[in-house]
Structures are given as C-alpha cells and as structure tokens.
N, C-alpha and C. Protein backbone atom coordinates (compact mmCIF):
# COMPACT_ATOMS: atom_id res chain seq x y z
N MET A 1 0.91 -1.43 -0.18
CA MET A 1 0.03 -0.04 -0.29
C MET A 1 0.62 1.48 0.37
N ILE A 2 0.53 2.06 -1.24
CA ILE A 2 1.13 3.41 -0.80
C ILE A 2 0.58 4.19 0.48
N ALA A 3 2.54 4.50 1.03
CA ALA A 3 1.64 5.81 1.54
C ALA A 3 0.97 7.55 1.70
N GLN A 4 0.20 7.78 2.01
CA GLN A 4 -0.25 8.88 1.48
C GLN A 4 0.27 10.10 2.35
N HIS A 5 0.62 11.52 1.66
CA HIS A 5 1.24 12.96 2.84
C HIS A 5 0.58 14.03 2.59
N TYR A 6 -0.74 14.05 3.97
CA TYR A 6 -0.86 14.40 3.91
C TYR A 6 -0.67 16.19 4.54
N ILE A 7 -0.80 17.56 3.66
CA ILE A 7 -0.49 18.98 4.61
C ILE A 7 -1.32 19.44 5.50
N GLU A 8 -1.01 19.63 6.72
CA GLU A 8 -1.93 20.45 7.81
C GLU A 8 -2.88 21.48 7.01
N LYS A 9 -3.90 21.38 7.62
CA LYS A 9 -4.75 23.51 6.58
C LYS A 9 -3.60 23.82 7.55
N ASN A 10 -3.60 24.16 8.04
CA ASN A 10 -2.20 25.12 8.44
C ASN A 10 -1.17 25.39 7.46
N ASP A 11 -0.54 24.84 7.14
CA ASP A 11 0.69 24.58 6.37
C ASP A 11 0.74 24.74 5.23
N ILE A 12 -1.15 24.53 4.66
CA ILE A 12 -0.87 24.75 3.05
C ILE A 12 -0.55 26.98 2.85
N LEU A 13 -0.81 27.31 3.32
CA LEU A 13 -0.56 28.85 3.26
C LEU A 13 1.06 28.72 2.67
N PRO A 14 1.74 28.38 3.83
CA PRO A 14 3.29 28.60 3.81
C PRO A 14 3.56 28.06 2.86
N SER A 15 2.91 26.72 2.25
CA SER A 15 3.83 25.43 2.02
C SER A 15 4.06 26.09 -0.03
N TYR A 16 2.23 26.76 -0.08
CA TYR A 16 2.40 27.11 -1.81
C TYR A 16 3.50 28.62 -1.39
N TYR A 17 3.43 29.47 -0.46
CA TYR A 17 5.04 30.44 -1.17
C TYR A 17 5.49 30.54 -0.61
N ALA A 18 6.31 28.77 -0.23
CA ALA A 18 7.53 28.26 -0.47
C ALA A 18 7.94 27.54 -1.77
N ARG A 19 6.89 27.01 -2.33
CA ARG A 19 7.60 26.62 -3.42
C ARG A 19 6.73 27.65 -4.40
N GLN A 20 6.60 28.40 -4.41
CA GLN A 20 6.50 30.13 -5.40
C GLN A 20 7.56 30.32 -5.24
N SER A 21 8.50 30.53 -4.19
CA SER A 21 9.63 31.39 -4.31
C SER A 21 10.75 30.40 -4.87
N ILE A 22 10.83 29.38 -4.26
CA ILE A 22 12.03 27.82 -5.39
C ILE A 22 11.99 28.60 -6.77
N ASP A 23 10.52 28.10 -6.89
CA ASP A 23 10.45 28.32 -8.29
C ASP A 23 11.00 29.66 -9.67
N GLN A 24 11.18 30.98 -7.88
CA GLN A 24 11.66 32.16 -8.84
C GLN A 24 13.28 31.82 -8.86
N VAL A 25 13.78 31.40 -7.67
CA VAL A 25 15.41 30.81 -7.84
C VAL A 25 15.44 30.65 -8.87
N PHE A 26 14.95 29.10 -9.25
CA PHE A 26 14.89 28.19 -10.30
C PHE A 26 14.97 29.10 -11.64
N GLY A 27 13.95 30.00 -11.69
CA GLY A 27 13.83 30.76 -13.06
C GLY A 27 14.72 31.78 -12.92
N PHE A 28 15.04 32.41 -12.48
CA PHE A 28 16.29 33.00 -12.30
C PHE A 28 17.60 32.50 -12.41
N ALA A 29 17.93 31.87 -11.44
CA ALA A 29 18.83 30.79 -12.51
C ALA A 29 18.93 30.80 -13.93
N LYS A 30 17.74 30.14 -14.43
CA LYS A 30 17.66 29.72 -15.89
C LYS A 30 18.07 30.31 -16.95
N SER A 31 17.01 31.64 -16.03
CA SER A 31 16.92 33.05 -17.64
C SER A 31 17.75 34.30 -17.25
N ASN A 32 17.95 34.58 -15.57
CA ASN A 32 18.77 35.74 -15.94
C ASN A 32 19.91 35.76 -15.79
N ASN A 33 20.98 34.55 -15.73
CA ASN A 33 22.14 34.19 -15.52
C ASN A 33 22.72 33.72 -16.89
N ASN A 34 21.65 33.37 -18.07
CA ASN A 34 21.65 32.70 -19.17
C ASN A 34 22.60 31.35 -18.77
N LEU A 35 22.01 30.25 -18.37
CA LEU A 35 22.46 29.11 -17.61
C LEU A 35 23.04 28.36 -19.06
N LEU A 36 21.79 28.08 -19.85
CA LEU A 36 22.14 27.34 -21.06
C LEU A 36 21.78 28.03 -22.24
N PRO A 37 22.56 28.34 -23.02
CA PRO A 37 23.43 26.62 -23.32
C PRO A 37 25.08 27.02 -22.95
N LEU A 38 25.08 25.86 -22.25
CA LEU A 38 26.78 26.35 -22.03
C LEU A 38 27.84 26.37 -23.07
N ARG A 39 29.23 27.00 -22.92
CA ARG A 39 29.81 26.86 -24.15
C ARG A 39 30.98 27.05 -23.65
N VAL A 40 31.48 25.71 -22.08
CA VAL A 40 32.87 25.50 -22.09
C VAL A 40 33.31 24.56 -22.86
N HIS A 41 35.00 24.27 -23.20
CA HIS A 41 35.49 23.45 -23.15
C HIS A 41 35.56 21.82 -22.58
N SER A 42 35.84 22.83 -21.05
CA SER A 42 36.54 21.17 -20.44
C SER A 42 35.54 21.04 -19.20
N GLU A 43 35.20 19.82 -18.56
CA GLU A 43 34.26 19.92 -17.14
C GLU A 43 34.56 21.00 -15.72
N GLN A 44 36.13 20.89 -16.35
CA GLN A 44 36.56 22.10 -15.21
C GLN A 44 35.90 23.38 -16.11
N SER A 45 35.52 24.03 -16.97
CA SER A 45 34.95 25.23 -16.92
C SER A 45 33.52 25.36 -16.87
N ILE A 46 33.18 23.73 -16.78
CA ILE A 46 31.55 23.93 -16.62
C ILE A 46 31.19 24.24 -15.13
N LYS A 47 31.80 23.32 -14.38
CA LYS A 47 31.95 23.72 -12.54
C LYS A 47 32.35 24.79 -12.23
N GLY A 48 33.18 25.43 -13.13
CA GLY A 48 33.25 26.49 -12.16
C GLY A 48 33.14 27.47 -12.53
N TYR A 49 32.65 27.51 -14.02
CA TYR A 49 30.20 28.59 -14.79
C TYR A 49 29.21 27.85 -13.69
N LEU A 50 29.26 26.92 -13.17
CA LEU A 50 27.82 26.28 -12.55
C LEU A 50 28.20 27.17 -10.68
N MET A 51 29.36 27.62 -10.48
CA MET A 51 30.08 27.69 -9.56
C MET A 51 30.21 29.48 -9.25
N LEU A 52 30.29 29.88 -10.23
CA LEU A 52 29.83 31.93 -10.36
C LEU A 52 28.00 31.74 -10.77
N VAL A 53 26.94 30.60 -11.28
CA VAL A 53 26.36 30.61 -11.16
C VAL A 53 25.85 30.45 -9.66
N PHE A 54 25.35 29.65 -9.42
CA PHE A 54 25.50 29.31 -7.72
C PHE A 54 25.53 30.68 -6.94
N LEU A 55 27.39 31.00 -7.36
CA LEU A 55 27.29 32.17 -6.29
C LEU A 55 26.50 33.71 -6.53
N ALA A 56 26.24 33.65 -7.77
CA ALA A 56 25.04 34.79 -8.06
C ALA A 56 23.61 34.74 -7.73
N LEU A 57 23.22 33.63 -7.27
CA LEU A 57 21.75 33.12 -7.00
C LEU A 57 21.78 33.37 -6.04
N VAL A 58 22.75 33.01 -4.66
CA VAL A 58 22.97 33.26 -3.65
C VAL A 58 22.96 34.78 -2.72
N VAL A 59 24.08 35.69 -4.04
CA VAL A 59 23.73 36.49 -3.24
C VAL A 59 22.54 37.79 -4.11
N PHE A 60 22.21 36.99 -5.32
CA PHE A 60 20.32 37.13 -5.74
C PHE A 60 20.04 36.71 -4.59
N ILE A 61 19.63 36.22 -4.04
CA ILE A 61 18.68 35.75 -2.99
C ILE A 61 18.88 36.60 -1.48
N ASN A 62 20.16 36.66 -1.33
CA ASN A 62 20.40 37.35 -0.02
C ASN A 62 20.32 39.25 -0.32
N ILE A 63 20.18 39.66 -0.77
CA ILE A 63 19.74 41.17 -1.28
C ILE A 63 18.65 40.85 -2.03
N ARG A 64 17.74 40.01 -2.02
CA ARG A 64 16.40 40.09 -1.83
C ARG A 64 15.73 40.21 -0.96
N GLN A 65 16.54 39.21 0.07
CA GLN A 65 15.58 39.10 1.16
C GLN A 65 15.78 40.34 1.87
N LYS A 66 16.91 41.02 2.14
CA LYS A 66 17.09 42.43 2.94
C LYS A 66 17.05 43.87 2.15
N SER A 67 16.65 44.19 0.97
CA SER A 67 16.22 44.73 0.28
C SER A 67 14.66 45.55 0.54
N LYS A 68 14.79 46.68 0.72
CA LYS A 68 13.36 47.59 1.13
C LYS A 68 12.58 47.75 -0.81
N LEU A 69 14.02 47.48 -1.36
CA LEU A 69 13.52 48.30 -2.56
C LEU A 69 13.15 47.05 -3.51
N PRO A 70 12.06 47.23 -4.46
CA PRO A 70 12.25 46.12 -5.56
C PRO A 70 13.49 44.87 -5.96
N MET A 71 13.52 44.53 -6.49
CA MET A 71 14.67 43.74 -7.02
C MET A 71 15.36 44.71 -7.76
N ASP A 72 15.02 44.80 -9.16
CA ASP A 72 15.39 45.64 -10.64
C ASP A 72 16.09 46.76 -10.11
N LYS A 73 14.67 47.71 -9.03
CA LYS A 73 16.02 48.92 -8.54
C LYS A 73 16.86 48.58 -7.84
N THR A 74 17.16 48.13 -7.01
CA THR A 74 18.35 47.46 -6.54
C THR A 74 19.31 47.56 -7.22
N LEU A 75 19.22 46.61 -8.19
CA LEU A 75 19.90 45.77 -9.33
C LEU A 75 20.21 46.77 -10.19
N LEU A 76 19.70 48.06 -11.07
CA LEU A 76 19.54 49.17 -11.35
C LEU A 76 21.04 50.19 -10.89
N ILE A 77 20.74 50.42 -9.46
CA ILE A 77 21.10 51.05 -8.78
C ILE A 77 22.67 50.45 -8.40
N LEU A 78 23.11 49.27 -8.24
CA LEU A 78 24.12 49.00 -8.35
C LEU A 78 24.95 48.46 -9.58
N ARG A 79 24.41 48.19 -10.51
CA ARG A 79 25.49 47.94 -11.13
C ARG A 79 26.09 49.17 -11.96
N ILE A 80 26.08 50.35 -11.77
CA ILE A 80 26.16 51.64 -11.53
C ILE A 80 27.93 51.36 -11.08
N LEU A 81 28.06 50.81 -9.65
CA LEU A 81 29.47 51.05 -9.44
C LEU A 81 30.29 50.35 -10.28
N LYS A 82 31.17 51.18 -11.06
CA LYS A 82 32.23 50.59 -11.22
C LYS A 82 33.99 50.39 -10.57
N ALA A 83 34.91 49.62 -11.38
CA ALA A 83 36.65 49.33 -10.53
C ALA A 83 36.33 49.72 -11.90
N LYS A 84 38.16 50.57 -11.59
CA LYS A 84 39.40 50.94 -12.44
C LYS A 84 40.55 49.56 -12.19
N ILE A 85 41.12 49.09 -13.58
CA ILE A 85 41.92 47.45 -13.39
C ILE A 85 42.85 48.09 -14.02
N PHE A 86 44.25 47.63 -13.30
CA PHE A 86 45.17 48.15 -13.51
C PHE A 86 46.46 47.30 -13.78
N ASP A 87 47.57 47.26 -13.97
CA ASP A 87 48.15 45.86 -13.62
C ASP A 87 48.36 45.34 -12.90
N ASP A 88 48.77 46.38 -12.06
CA ASP A 88 49.36 45.71 -10.46
C ASP A 88 47.70 46.25 -8.90
N GLU A 89 46.95 46.52 -9.18
CA GLU A 89 45.71 47.56 -8.95
C GLU A 89 44.55 47.62 -8.90
N VAL A 90 43.48 47.19 -8.20
CA VAL A 90 41.99 47.83 -8.51
C VAL A 90 41.53 48.34 -7.78
N ILE A 91 40.98 49.33 -8.55
CA ILE A 91 40.18 51.37 -7.81
C ILE A 91 38.83 50.78 -8.06
N VAL A 92 38.28 50.75 -6.78
CA VAL A 92 36.19 50.61 -6.72
C VAL A 92 36.22 52.28 -6.17
N GLN A 93 35.60 53.13 -7.30
CA GLN A 93 34.89 53.54 -7.77
C GLN A 93 34.74 53.95 -6.42
N GLU A 94 33.70 55.78 -6.71
CA GLU A 94 33.13 55.86 -4.60
C GLU A 94 31.82 55.91 -4.78
N ALA A 95 31.68 55.23 -4.45
CA ALA A 95 29.89 54.95 -4.66
C ALA A 95 29.09 56.02 -4.62
N ASN A 96 27.89 56.14 -5.02
CA ASN A 96 26.61 57.48 -5.34
C ASN A 96 25.51 56.79 -4.17
N LYS A 97 24.81 58.06 -3.33
CA LYS A 97 24.52 57.94 -2.20
C LYS A 97 23.49 56.96 -2.20
N LYS A 98 22.55 56.55 -3.63
CA LYS A 98 22.58 55.68 -3.18
C LYS A 98 22.62 54.61 -3.19
N THR A 99 23.49 54.31 -4.19
CA THR A 99 24.65 52.92 -3.83
C THR A 99 24.76 52.63 -2.03
N LYS A 100 24.99 53.98 -1.54
CA LYS A 100 25.73 53.85 0.18
C LYS A 100 24.24 53.52 1.01
N ASP A 101 23.94 53.49 0.22
CA ASP A 101 22.76 53.36 1.10
C ASP A 101 22.03 51.90 1.44
N ILE A 102 21.63 51.55 0.06
CA ILE A 102 21.79 49.96 -0.31
C ILE A 102 22.72 49.07 0.60
N PHE A 103 23.79 49.33 0.01
CA PHE A 103 25.30 48.74 0.42
C PHE A 103 25.33 49.09 2.60
N LYS A 104 25.03 49.82 2.92
CA LYS A 104 24.47 50.30 4.62
C LYS A 104 23.02 49.57 4.95
N GLU A 105 21.82 48.98 4.21
CA GLU A 105 20.74 48.12 4.47
C GLU A 105 20.82 46.93 4.44
N LEU A 106 22.24 46.12 3.59
CA LEU A 106 22.54 45.03 3.01
C LEU A 106 23.71 44.41 4.33
N GLY A 107 24.40 45.44 5.12
CA GLY A 107 25.32 44.78 5.69
C GLY A 107 26.74 44.95 4.87
N ILE A 108 26.52 45.67 3.59
CA ILE A 108 28.14 45.30 2.67
C ILE A 108 29.10 46.12 2.95
N SER A 109 30.56 45.94 3.10
CA SER A 109 30.95 47.08 3.36
C SER A 109 31.94 46.94 2.08
N VAL A 110 31.91 47.34 1.75
CA VAL A 110 33.08 48.15 0.22
C VAL A 110 34.36 48.44 0.14
N PRO A 111 34.79 47.84 0.01
CA PRO A 111 36.41 48.60 -0.26
C PRO A 111 36.66 49.60 -1.77
N THR A 112 37.91 50.57 -1.58
CA THR A 112 38.30 51.15 -2.08
C THR A 112 39.11 51.14 -3.08
N ALA A 113 39.76 49.80 -2.87
CA ALA A 113 40.90 49.24 -3.71
C ALA A 113 41.02 47.67 -3.42
N MET A 114 41.62 47.18 -3.98
CA MET A 114 42.49 46.02 -3.85
C MET A 114 42.79 45.69 -2.59
N SER A 115 43.86 46.69 -2.31
CA SER A 115 44.54 46.07 -0.92
C SER A 115 44.18 46.15 0.29
N ASP A 116 42.60 46.94 0.54
CA ASP A 116 41.86 46.69 1.54
C ASP A 116 40.90 45.51 2.34
N PHE A 117 41.52 44.36 0.48
CA PHE A 117 41.33 43.03 1.24
C PHE A 117 42.75 42.35 2.60
N LEU A 118 44.07 42.96 1.96
CA LEU A 118 44.66 41.72 2.56
C LEU A 118 45.35 42.53 3.36
C-alpha cells in the first residue's frame, strides 16, 4: 500500500509560498544567468561556471531578502558601481548616495581598492 502524505490545513499557505519562492529561484538561475547553453570546453570550466552561477544566485537571494526596494531597482542602482583595473591595482569607484544606502541596508562593506582585502 502506498503511504499518503497530507498537509495540515495551517501549513497549506506557507507551503504554497515556499514553492513559489523556489520556482522564482530556479527561474532566476535559468533566465537571468543565461545558464543554457553552456559554451565551455572542459569539465573544469563547466564546474567553475556553475559555481559562479550558484554564487550569483546566493547573492541575488540575499539581496532580495534584505532590500526594501524592488529587486530590479536595487540591481539597476548597484550596476552603476565600477572599478578601474590596472596591472597591479584595482580601484573601486566612489559609490553614490543610493548605492551607499543599499550597501548600508545590506550590511556590505565595499573596499576602495584591492589592497583593502589584504
């Protein structure tokens, strides 16, 4: 006999919203990251690419949970931040007020140069 699993009445709505969140995560991974088709020539490249996609997804979910702004507006503001890359140095551009506000809201400390990591 097959065991049947029933969801308690009070758990139906939270389960539905959890499923919706999971669907959004997979939708992001497939569409926003251009996951397919993969254009790589080695297994190591595929693993590295998938790792980057996974990390981007973790960052995306973290920002979505913490930000008060809609995700599309948050990403548009954050994409303004740029860096200059030299042979021996990377200098991060000074963030504008909106970007600084988002960083503060998310608890992100942005270095002004790669030397700040060391």
